[in-house]
Amino acid sequence: MAKATRLNRRAFGALMAATSLGAVLKPQKLLGNTYSRRWLRVQRVSGDVTTFTGQTNRTRVGDYLTATGHGIITSSRSTAHLTIDDGIASVSVAQNTHMTIQQLSVLGDGARITVLDVSQGQARFQVRRFTNPNSRLELRTPSGVAAVRGTVFGISVNQQGQTNVAALEGQVEAGGQGVRVPVNANQVSIVYPGAAPTQTREVDRELDIQWQGYEWSNEAFYMAGYTDAANLLWVNDQEVSVNRAGYFEQSIPFDRQRRLVSITVQNPLGETRTHKAFPRGE
């Protein structure tokens, strides 16, 4: 994908600084040519990552995303790190994630509004505290929203559209169905499709699995057990569904040539733990 035009960094930084996940933005007077003053810049990339700005292309360090509809997609075992504007915020995008710009603007009073859509996957944000009270950074997902004014937090979205919002430092706000729940450091809230955010609880940092059973058959690996309901679970490169109780049960087809089955647990902060089970006879 062709590079987007490089734009003034300071304007984009102000926008990222003002964030409110899922909040409805009231119409306000904007500065002329607002989009030319905001941007996200790719700082690091690993693996197979694609940016789209009207065209699609393999992501390179230095690429800019500057307008509504611009975005980034990471494939399996691929990651990207971006800065917003002039370093006022940064975002680490995990594997199998799709993130798109919905709005980058500057209000008449200089406040910056940043609205990003995370339709699937996991991303971790580090946001400096905003100096303008009208600045907002908003993250939208299929089931909820998250809003911050300066903190370190993570958000993940599974294949059913469930949104998990966790804070590492400061406070982030999870929203859904007109209800907002403050999420403090080391806490997580889950927003299920069509439901209000759950009450907060401690975010899972152990990333363990309570096994109910697993075995290898001729062409598949069967597994069942529990993990935290706010975690994402991967077997090799395939996401496994986890229900509201944290229970999973699935048979995963696998290639006989593969020497191991790799099981990865990931929390909304992007922390991961890999569990490995070897095929019968190894």
Protein backbone atom coordinates (compact mmCIF):
# COMPACT_ATOMS: atom_id res chain seq x y z
CA MET A 1 0.00 0.00 0.00
CA ALA A 2 1.31 3.43 -0.88
CA LYS A 3 2.57 5.61 1.93
CA ALA A 4 0.19 8.26 3.14
CA THR A 5 1.43 11.86 2.93
CA ARG A 6 3.51 12.76 5.97
CA LEU A 7 1.69 15.37 8.01
CA ASN A 8 2.34 17.68 10.91
CA ARG A 9 3.07 15.52 13.96
CA ARG A 10 1.95 17.87 16.66
CA ALA A 11 -1.69 17.94 15.53
CA PHE A 12 -1.96 14.15 15.48
CA GLY A 13 -0.43 13.88 18.94
CA ALA A 14 -3.01 16.23 20.38
CA LEU A 15 -5.79 14.14 18.91
CA MET A 16 -4.50 10.88 20.35
CA ALA A 17 -4.16 12.52 23.72
CA ALA A 18 -7.91 13.07 23.93
CA THR A 19 -9.59 9.71 24.17
CA SER A 20 -12.91 8.31 25.22
CA LEU A 21 -13.62 4.74 24.14
CA GLY A 22 -17.09 4.39 22.73
CA ALA A 23 -18.28 7.86 23.69
CA VAL A 24 -20.49 9.74 21.24
CA LEU A 25 -18.70 12.82 19.98
CA LYS A 26 -20.80 15.99 20.06
CA PRO A 27 -20.53 18.20 16.96
CA GLN A 28 -17.97 20.91 17.61
CA LYS A 29 -16.26 23.51 15.50
CA LEU A 30 -13.13 22.11 13.83
CA LEU A 31 -10.05 23.87 12.58
CA GLY A 32 -9.63 24.11 8.82
CA ASN A 33 -7.87 21.14 7.20
CA THR A 34 -7.99 19.20 10.49
CA TYR A 35 -6.90 15.87 9.05
CA SER A 36 -3.62 17.28 7.72
CA ARG A 37 -2.49 17.88 11.28
CA ARG A 38 -2.88 14.37 12.71
CA TRP A 39 -1.16 11.05 12.12
CA LEU A 40 -0.07 7.62 13.33
CA ARG A 41 3.45 6.60 12.36
CA VAL A 42 4.82 3.05 12.19
CA GLN A 43 7.88 2.79 14.44
CA ARG A 44 8.53 -0.96 14.41
CA VAL A 45 7.15 -3.94 12.54
CA SER A 46 7.70 -7.69 12.75
CA GLY A 47 6.32 -10.37 10.44
CA ASP A 48 3.48 -10.00 7.94
CA VAL A 49 1.80 -6.62 8.51
CA THR A 50 -0.34 -4.66 6.03
CA THR A 51 -1.30 -0.98 6.00
CA PHE A 52 -4.18 0.39 3.94
CA THR A 53 -4.63 4.04 2.93
CA GLY A 54 -6.87 3.63 -0.09
CA GLN A 55 -4.38 1.08 -1.39
CA THR A 56 -2.81 -1.81 0.49
CA ASN A 57 0.86 -2.51 0.89
CA ARG A 58 3.29 -4.37 3.12
CA THR A 59 3.94 -2.18 6.15
CA ARG A 60 7.30 -0.49 6.46
CA VAL A 61 8.86 1.55 9.27
CA GLY A 62 8.04 5.19 8.65
CA ASP A 63 4.62 4.60 7.06
CA TYR A 64 1.95 7.12 8.07
CA LEU A 65 -1.79 6.69 8.67
CA THR A 66 -3.46 10.09 8.45
CA ALA A 67 -7.18 9.92 7.68
CA THR A 68 -10.47 8.13 8.21
CA GLY A 69 -10.34 4.62 6.77
CA HIS A 70 -6.58 4.25 7.07
CA GLY A 71 -5.57 1.23 9.11
CA ILE A 72 -3.27 -1.67 9.85
CA ILE A 73 -3.68 -5.46 9.90
CA THR A 74 -1.28 -7.89 11.56
CA SER A 75 -1.19 -11.56 10.59
CA SER A 76 -0.29 -14.55 12.76
CA ARG A 77 2.99 -14.13 14.66
CA SER A 78 3.23 -10.52 13.49
CA THR A 79 3.25 -7.25 15.44
CA ALA A 80 3.52 -3.50 14.91
CA HIS A 81 4.30 -0.48 17.10
CA LEU A 82 2.97 2.97 16.22
CA THR A 83 3.20 6.45 17.72
CA ILE A 84 0.40 8.97 17.61
CA ASP A 85 1.34 12.47 16.58
CA ASP A 86 4.48 13.67 18.34
CA GLY A 87 4.74 10.89 20.90
CA ILE A 88 1.75 11.87 23.00
CA ALA A 89 0.62 8.25 22.75
CA SER A 90 1.85 4.93 21.40
CA VAL A 91 0.17 1.66 20.53
CA SER A 92 1.53 -1.88 20.32
CA VAL A 93 -0.56 -4.01 17.98
CA ALA A 94 -0.48 -7.78 18.58
CA GLN A 95 -0.92 -10.57 16.04
CA ASN A 96 -4.20 -11.12 14.18
CA THR A 97 -5.39 -7.58 14.87
CA HIS A 98 -7.34 -5.16 12.67
CA MET A 99 -7.23 -1.46 13.66
CA THR A 100 -8.71 1.44 11.65
CA ILE A 101 -8.87 5.22 12.05
CA GLN A 102 -12.42 6.54 12.40
CA GLN A 103 -11.52 10.12 13.21
CA LEU A 104 -8.47 12.36 13.58
CA SER A 105 -9.40 15.98 14.19
CA VAL A 106 -8.51 19.18 15.99
CA LEU A 107 -11.24 21.28 17.62
CA GLY A 108 -11.39 25.05 17.50
CA ASP A 109 -9.92 25.25 21.02
CA GLY A 110 -6.96 23.06 20.00
CA ALA A 111 -8.32 19.86 21.55
CA ARG A 112 -7.53 16.71 19.62
CA ILE A 113 -10.06 13.96 19.04
CA THR A 114 -8.79 10.48 18.14
CA VAL A 115 -11.23 7.67 17.38
CA LEU A 116 -9.85 4.23 16.48
CA ASP A 117 -11.72 1.04 15.69
CA VAL A 118 -10.35 -2.32 16.86
CA SER A 119 -12.58 -4.92 15.22
CA GLN A 120 -10.51 -7.92 16.31
CA GLY A 121 -7.29 -8.84 18.09
CA GLN A 122 -5.35 -7.03 20.83
CA ALA A 123 -3.66 -3.66 21.24
CA ARG A 124 -1.91 -1.95 24.13
CA PHE A 125 -1.87 1.85 24.50
CA GLN A 126 0.36 4.18 26.46
CA VAL A 127 -1.16 7.65 26.61
CA ARG A 128 0.31 10.76 28.19
CA ARG A 129 -2.08 12.81 30.31
CA PHE A 130 -3.98 15.38 28.24
CA THR A 131 -3.50 19.07 28.95
CA ASN A 132 -6.66 20.15 27.10
CA PRO A 133 -9.82 18.98 28.96
CA ASN A 134 -11.71 18.56 25.68
CA SER A 135 -9.16 16.18 24.16
CA ARG A 136 -10.23 12.56 23.90
CA LEU A 137 -8.95 9.21 22.69
CA GLU A 138 -11.73 6.76 21.88
CA LEU A 139 -11.49 3.09 21.00
CA ARG A 140 -14.51 1.41 19.45
CA THR A 141 -15.12 -2.31 19.12
CA PRO A 142 -18.06 -4.45 17.94
CA SER A 143 -19.47 -4.59 21.49
CA GLY A 144 -18.11 -1.68 23.49
CA VAL A 145 -15.89 1.32 23.95
CA ALA A 146 -12.95 2.46 26.09
CA ALA A 147 -11.84 5.97 27.05
CA VAL A 148 -8.72 7.37 28.67
CA ARG A 149 -7.08 10.68 29.49
CA GLY A 150 -3.61 9.37 30.23
CA THR A 151 -2.80 5.81 31.21
CA VAL A 152 -1.40 2.47 30.09
CA PHE A 153 -4.13 0.04 29.12
CA GLY A 154 -4.95 -2.81 26.80
CA ILE A 155 -7.97 -3.93 24.84
CA SER A 156 -8.74 -7.24 23.16
CA VAL A 157 -11.59 -8.42 20.95
CA ASN A 158 -12.31 -12.10 20.33
CA GLN A 159 -13.97 -13.72 17.33
CA GLN A 160 -17.43 -13.36 18.91
CA GLY A 161 -16.96 -9.59 19.33
CA GLN A 162 -16.42 -9.76 23.10
CA THR A 163 -14.38 -6.76 24.29
CA ASN A 164 -11.96 -6.98 27.23
CA VAL A 165 -10.59 -3.75 28.72
CA ALA A 166 -7.74 -3.79 31.26
CA ALA A 167 -5.58 -1.09 32.85
CA LEU A 168 -1.92 -1.44 33.76
CA GLU A 169 -1.57 2.09 35.14
CA GLY A 170 -4.05 4.87 35.83
CA GLN A 171 -7.69 4.38 34.87
CA VAL A 172 -9.58 3.54 31.69
CA GLU A 173 -13.33 3.56 31.18
CA ALA A 174 -15.20 0.61 29.64
CA GLY A 175 -18.55 1.40 28.08
CA GLY A 176 -21.48 -0.43 26.51
CA GLN A 177 -25.29 -0.10 26.31
CA GLY A 178 -25.13 3.35 27.87
CA VAL A 179 -23.26 2.12 30.95
CA ARG A 180 -19.68 3.09 31.83
CA VAL A 181 -17.45 1.29 34.30
CA PRO A 182 -14.11 2.72 35.53
CA VAL A 183 -11.26 0.21 35.29
CA ASN A 184 -8.34 0.89 37.62
CA ALA A 185 -4.78 -0.45 37.49
CA ASN A 186 -4.56 -4.26 37.36
CA GLN A 187 -8.30 -4.57 36.78
CA VAL A 188 -10.33 -5.80 33.80
CA SER A 189 -13.92 -5.42 32.63
CA ILE A 190 -15.61 -7.46 29.90
CA VAL A 191 -18.17 -6.06 27.45
CA TYR A 192 -20.21 -8.81 25.83
CA PRO A 193 -22.17 -7.98 22.65
CA GLY A 194 -25.47 -6.34 23.57
CA ALA A 195 -24.61 -6.08 27.28
CA ALA A 196 -23.27 -3.52 29.72
CA PRO A 197 -19.66 -3.85 30.97
CA THR A 198 -19.12 -6.32 33.80
CA GLN A 199 -17.95 -5.17 37.19
CA THR A 200 -14.17 -5.05 37.40
CA ARG A 201 -11.96 -7.78 38.83
CA GLU A 202 -8.25 -8.49 38.90
CA VAL A 203 -6.67 -9.02 35.51
CA ASP A 204 -5.15 -12.50 35.02
CA ARG A 205 -1.35 -12.25 35.01
CA GLU A 206 -0.67 -15.98 35.54
CA LEU A 207 -2.24 -16.96 32.18
CA ASP A 208 -2.70 -20.52 33.35
CA ILE A 209 -4.94 -23.31 32.04
CA GLN A 210 -6.96 -25.63 34.24
CA TRP A 211 -7.11 -28.74 32.11
CA GLN A 212 -10.20 -30.92 32.00
CA GLY A 213 -8.68 -33.17 29.36
CA TYR A 214 -6.63 -33.32 26.17
CA GLU A 215 -5.59 -36.01 23.73
CA TRP A 216 -4.37 -36.59 20.20
CA SER A 217 -6.46 -38.52 17.69
CA ASN A 218 -5.50 -39.45 14.15
CA GLU A 219 -6.10 -36.04 12.63
CA ALA A 220 -6.89 -33.67 15.50
CA PHE A 221 -5.88 -32.45 18.93
CA TYR A 222 -8.78 -32.39 21.41
CA MET A 223 -8.63 -30.12 24.44
CA ALA A 224 -10.97 -28.89 27.17
CA GLY A 225 -10.38 -26.72 30.21
CA TYR A 226 -10.67 -23.31 31.79
CA THR A 227 -8.83 -20.02 31.58
CA ASP A 228 -9.85 -16.50 32.55
CA ALA A 229 -12.87 -15.38 30.50
CA ALA A 230 -11.08 -12.12 29.56
CA ASN A 231 -8.18 -14.00 27.93
CA LEU A 232 -7.71 -14.88 24.28
CA LEU A 233 -6.71 -18.49 23.58
CA TRP A 234 -4.77 -19.68 20.54
CA VAL A 235 -3.83 -23.17 19.37
CA ASN A 236 -1.04 -22.79 16.84
CA ASP A 237 -2.50 -19.94 14.72
CA GLN A 238 -6.19 -20.65 15.40
CA GLU A 239 -8.28 -18.80 17.97
CA VAL A 240 -10.30 -21.02 20.32
CA SER A 241 -13.64 -19.82 21.74
CA VAL A 242 -13.79 -19.25 25.51
CA ASN A 243 -17.26 -18.88 27.07
CA ARG A 244 -18.35 -16.54 29.85
CA ALA A 245 -17.26 -19.04 32.49
CA GLY A 246 -13.81 -19.31 30.90
CA TYR A 247 -14.52 -22.82 29.59
CA PHE A 248 -13.25 -24.04 26.22
CA GLU A 249 -13.62 -27.35 24.39
CA GLN A 250 -12.48 -27.93 20.85
CA SER A 251 -10.85 -30.38 18.45
CA ILE A 252 -8.12 -28.76 16.36
CA PRO A 253 -7.11 -30.39 13.06
CA PHE A 254 -3.33 -30.53 12.76
CA ASP A 255 -0.68 -31.47 10.26
CA ARG A 256 1.00 -34.81 11.03
CA GLN A 257 4.31 -33.19 10.10
CA ARG A 258 3.97 -30.71 12.93
CA ARG A 259 6.03 -31.81 15.90
CA LEU A 260 4.07 -29.98 18.56
CA VAL A 261 0.84 -28.19 19.34
CA SER A 262 1.47 -24.71 20.77
CA ILE A 263 -1.22 -23.24 23.04
CA THR A 264 -0.98 -19.52 23.86
CA VAL A 265 -2.98 -17.58 26.45
CA GLN A 266 -3.09 -13.77 26.11
CA ASN A 267 -4.66 -11.21 28.45
CA PRO A 268 -6.01 -7.79 27.36
CA LEU A 269 -2.70 -6.12 28.29
CA GLY A 270 -0.96 -8.19 25.61
CA GLU A 271 0.90 -10.42 28.06
CA THR A 272 1.21 -13.99 26.82
CA ARG A 273 2.12 -17.43 28.08
CA THR A 274 2.72 -20.41 25.79
CA HIS A 275 1.83 -23.97 26.78
CA LYS A 276 3.10 -26.82 24.58
CA ALA A 277 1.66 -30.32 24.17
CA PHE A 278 3.55 -32.87 22.08
CA PRO A 279 1.80 -35.30 19.74
CA ARG A 280 1.50 -38.93 20.79
CA GLY A 281 4.71 -40.87 20.30
CA GLU A 282 7.04 -37.83 20.50
